[in-house]
Every structure is written in C-alpha cells, then in structure tokens.
Amino acid sequence: MPIPLADRVIPLAYDPGISPQGGGLPGLSVLKNVVNSINMFGIIAVVGALAVSLGVWAWGHHTGGHQAEANGKKGAIVAAGAALGLGAANGIVAFFSALGSQVH
C-alpha cells in the first residue's frame, strides 16, 4: 500500500530552533564598527555626489545645456535616494528581520 503524500511531507517541516544572538562569535564588535564606517563613508560620498549633481544641474540650466541639466536632475534624485537608503538601512533590516521572525 502506498504511503500518503501528507505522511511523506511532515518530516520536512522540522523547526531547527535557530535565532540570531549577539556575542556568539569573536570580533562582532569589530564587524559592527566596520559596517558603521562603511555606512558613514557612503553617506559622505552621497553628500559629494549630491553637490556635484546640483552643480551640473545649475550649470546646465544657466548655459542652456539641456542634457547636462537633465543629468544633474537625475544625479540629484539618485543621490537623495541613496541617502535615504543608507540612512534607513538599519531600520529596513530590523523591520524585515522582525517580519521574518513572525513566519511559522
């Protein structure tokens, strides 16, 4: 007699009981400092990119260079989006981590 499909699938639904915990590995504080530094570097780079983009936008507007003006606008929007993403990175990860921990 064949085994029903439900009896074959049940062993696949095993809960390993794993959850994230701090302090389990050496160097965790160093890794956090490195990631914080990378985030700060990215934010500083975005400030520079925004300044350059706004300069290109203004230069294109005053010289009649429509292509430069459009590129400056695009650069300013991309820089603003990057600043939003970098600033919200921790909150975004925390939100989806909490959302993922609710899946059973």
C-alpha atoms as a PDB file:
ATOM      1  CA  MET A   1       0.000   0.000   0.000  1.00  0.00           C
ATOM      2  CA  PRO A   2       1.499   3.407  -0.976  1.00  0.00           C
ATOM      3  CA  ILE A   3       2.347   5.979   1.725  1.00  0.00           C
ATOM      4  CA  PRO A   4       0.098   9.093   1.559  1.00  0.00           C
ATOM      5  CA  LEU A   5       1.758  12.329   0.472  1.00  0.00           C
ATOM      6  CA  ALA A   6       0.980  14.084   3.788  1.00  0.00           C
ATOM      7  CA  ASP A   7       2.943  11.432   5.704  1.00  0.00           C
ATOM      8  CA  ARG A   8       5.967  11.985   3.464  1.00  0.00           C
ATOM      9  CA  VAL A   9       5.899  15.819   3.785  1.00  0.00           C
ATOM     10  CA  ILE A  10       5.552  16.117   7.572  1.00  0.00           C
ATOM     11  CA  PRO A  11       9.220  15.300   8.349  1.00  0.00           C
ATOM     12  CA  LEU A  12      10.253  18.227   6.100  1.00  0.00           C
ATOM     13  CA  ALA A  13       8.547  20.736   8.446  1.00  0.00           C
ATOM     14  CA  TYR A  14      11.217  20.462  11.157  1.00  0.00           C
ATOM     15  CA  ASP A  15      11.913  23.560  13.276  1.00  0.00           C
ATOM     16  CA  PRO A  16      15.682  23.811  13.890  1.00  0.00           C
ATOM     17  CA  GLY A  17      15.142  26.388  16.690  1.00  0.00           C
ATOM     18  CA  ILE A  18      17.774  28.841  15.445  1.00  0.00           C
ATOM     19  CA  SER A  19      17.526  32.561  16.225  1.00  0.00           C
ATOM     20  CA  PRO A  20      20.065  35.395  15.919  1.00  0.00           C
ATOM     21  CA  GLN A  21      22.014  36.203  19.091  1.00  0.00           C
ATOM     22  CA  GLY A  22      24.756  38.712  19.728  1.00  0.00           C
ATOM     23  CA  GLY A  23      28.051  37.805  21.327  1.00  0.00           C
ATOM     24  CA  GLY A  24      28.323  34.318  19.860  1.00  0.00           C
ATOM     25  CA  LEU A  25      31.351  34.995  17.686  1.00  0.00           C
ATOM     26  CA  PRO A  26      34.554  36.849  18.442  1.00  0.00           C
ATOM     27  CA  GLY A  27      35.020  40.083  16.537  1.00  0.00           C
ATOM     28  CA  LEU A  28      31.344  41.014  16.370  1.00  0.00           C
ATOM     29  CA  SER A  29      32.031  44.494  17.758  1.00  0.00           C
ATOM     30  CA  VAL A  30      34.794  44.978  15.174  1.00  0.00           C
ATOM     31  CA  LEU A  31      32.429  43.930  12.382  1.00  0.00           C
ATOM     32  CA  LYS A  32      29.807  46.394  13.635  1.00  0.00           C
ATOM     33  CA  ASN A  33      32.417  49.176  13.633  1.00  0.00           C
ATOM     34  CA  VAL A  34      33.473  48.281  10.083  1.00  0.00           C
ATOM     35  CA  VAL A  35      29.870  48.316   8.823  1.00  0.00           C
ATOM     36  CA  ASN A  36      29.198  51.615  10.613  1.00  0.00           C
ATOM     37  CA  SER A  37      32.294  53.084   8.979  1.00  0.00           C
ATOM     38  CA  ILE A  38      31.239  51.849   5.544  1.00  0.00           C
ATOM     39  CA  ASN A  39      27.804  53.405   6.066  1.00  0.00           C
ATOM     40  CA  MET A  40      29.374  56.729   7.109  1.00  0.00           C
ATOM     41  CA  PHE A  41      31.713  56.619   4.100  1.00  0.00           C
ATOM     42  CA  GLY A  42      28.696  56.048   1.848  1.00  0.00           C
ATOM     43  CA  ILE A  43      26.814  58.970   3.355  1.00  0.00           C
ATOM     44  CA  ILE A  44      29.822  61.270   2.890  1.00  0.00           C
ATOM     45  CA  ALA A  45      30.172  60.095  -0.718  1.00  0.00           C
ATOM     46  CA  VAL A  46      26.474  60.809  -1.299  1.00  0.00           C
ATOM     47  CA  VAL A  47      26.919  64.355   0.004  1.00  0.00           C
ATOM     48  CA  GLY A  48      29.697  64.856  -2.561  1.00  0.00           C
ATOM     49  CA  ALA A  49      27.626  63.283  -5.331  1.00  0.00           C
ATOM     50  CA  LEU A  50      24.673  65.495  -4.464  1.00  0.00           C
ATOM     51  CA  ALA A  51      26.840  68.620  -4.522  1.00  0.00           C
ATOM     52  CA  VAL A  52      28.290  67.695  -7.917  1.00  0.00           C
ATOM     53  CA  SER A  53      24.872  66.819  -9.328  1.00  0.00           C
ATOM     54  CA  LEU A  54      23.356  70.086  -8.153  1.00  0.00           C
ATOM     55  CA  GLY A  55      26.305  71.946  -9.667  1.00  0.00           C
ATOM     56  CA  VAL A  56      25.822  70.168 -13.013  1.00  0.00           C
ATOM     57  CA  TRP A  57      22.105  70.912 -12.857  1.00  0.00           C
ATOM     58  CA  ALA A  58      22.730  74.620 -12.245  1.00  0.00           C
ATOM     59  CA  TRP A  59      25.477  74.811 -14.878  1.00  0.00           C
ATOM     60  CA  GLY A  60      23.268  73.093 -17.459  1.00  0.00           C
ATOM     61  CA  HIS A  61      20.365  75.392 -16.653  1.00  0.00           C
ATOM     62  CA  HIS A  62      22.383  78.604 -16.948  1.00  0.00           C
ATOM     63  CA  THR A  63      24.251  77.588 -20.109  1.00  0.00           C
ATOM     64  CA  GLY A  64      21.230  76.132 -21.886  1.00  0.00           C
ATOM     65  CA  GLY A  65      22.689  72.611 -21.851  1.00  0.00           C
ATOM     66  CA  HIS A  66      19.519  70.588 -21.551  1.00  0.00           C
ATOM     67  CA  GLN A  67      21.371  67.270 -21.429  1.00  0.00           C
ATOM     68  CA  ALA A  68      23.593  68.462 -18.567  1.00  0.00           C
ATOM     69  CA  GLU A  69      20.564  69.834 -16.760  1.00  0.00           C
ATOM     70  CA  ALA A  70      18.709  66.523 -17.099  1.00  0.00           C
ATOM     71  CA  ASN A  71      21.758  64.569 -15.931  1.00  0.00           C
ATOM     72  CA  GLY A  72      22.124  66.859 -12.936  1.00  0.00           C
ATOM     73  CA  LYS A  73      18.492  66.293 -12.002  1.00  0.00           C
ATOM     74  CA  LYS A  74      18.889  62.527 -12.321  1.00  0.00           C
ATOM     75  CA  GLY A  75      22.051  62.605 -10.243  1.00  0.00           C
ATOM     76  CA  ALA A  76      20.370  64.657  -7.525  1.00  0.00           C
ATOM     77  CA  ILE A  77      17.461  62.233  -7.341  1.00  0.00           C
ATOM     78  CA  VAL A  78      19.757  59.210  -7.257  1.00  0.00           C
ATOM     79  CA  ALA A  79      21.883  60.814  -4.535  1.00  0.00           C
ATOM     80  CA  ALA A  80      18.783  61.618  -2.485  1.00  0.00           C
ATOM     81  CA  GLY A  81      17.579  58.032  -2.875  1.00  0.00           C
ATOM     82  CA  ALA A  82      20.973  56.694  -1.857  1.00  0.00           C
ATOM     83  CA  ALA A  83      20.971  58.932   1.223  1.00  0.00           C
ATOM     84  CA  LEU A  84      17.503  57.653   2.100  1.00  0.00           C
ATOM     85  CA  GLY A  85      18.620  54.048   1.699  1.00  0.00           C
ATOM     86  CA  LEU A  86      21.810  54.494   3.704  1.00  0.00           C
ATOM     87  CA  GLY A  87      20.047  56.310   6.492  1.00  0.00           C
ATOM     88  CA  ALA A  88      17.215  53.798   6.666  1.00  0.00           C
ATOM     89  CA  ALA A  89      19.328  50.658   6.190  1.00  0.00           C
ATOM     90  CA  ASN A  90      19.298  49.670   9.852  1.00  0.00           C
ATOM     91  CA  GLY A  91      15.552  50.239  10.173  1.00  0.00           C
ATOM     92  CA  ILE A  92      14.794  48.359   6.946  1.00  0.00           C
ATOM     93  CA  VAL A  93      16.815  45.334   8.053  1.00  0.00           C
ATOM     94  CA  ALA A  94      15.268  45.440  11.545  1.00  0.00           C
ATOM     95  CA  PHE A  95      11.767  45.662  10.056  1.00  0.00           C
ATOM     96  CA  PHE A  96      12.200  42.692   7.731  1.00  0.00           C
ATOM     97  CA  SER A  97      14.046  40.695  10.384  1.00  0.00           C
ATOM     98  CA  ALA A  98      11.126  41.186  12.782  1.00  0.00           C
ATOM     99  CA  LEU A  99       8.707  40.355   9.998  1.00  0.00           C
ATOM    100  CA  GLY A 100      10.653  37.219   9.145  1.00  0.00           C
ATOM    101  CA  SER A 101      10.731  36.075  12.772  1.00  0.00           C
ATOM    102  CA  GLN A 102       6.911  36.015  12.751  1.00  0.00           C
ATOM    103  CA  VAL A 103       6.782  33.381   9.986  1.00  0.00           C
ATOM    104  CA  HIS A 104       5.982  29.954  11.382  1.00  0.00           C
END
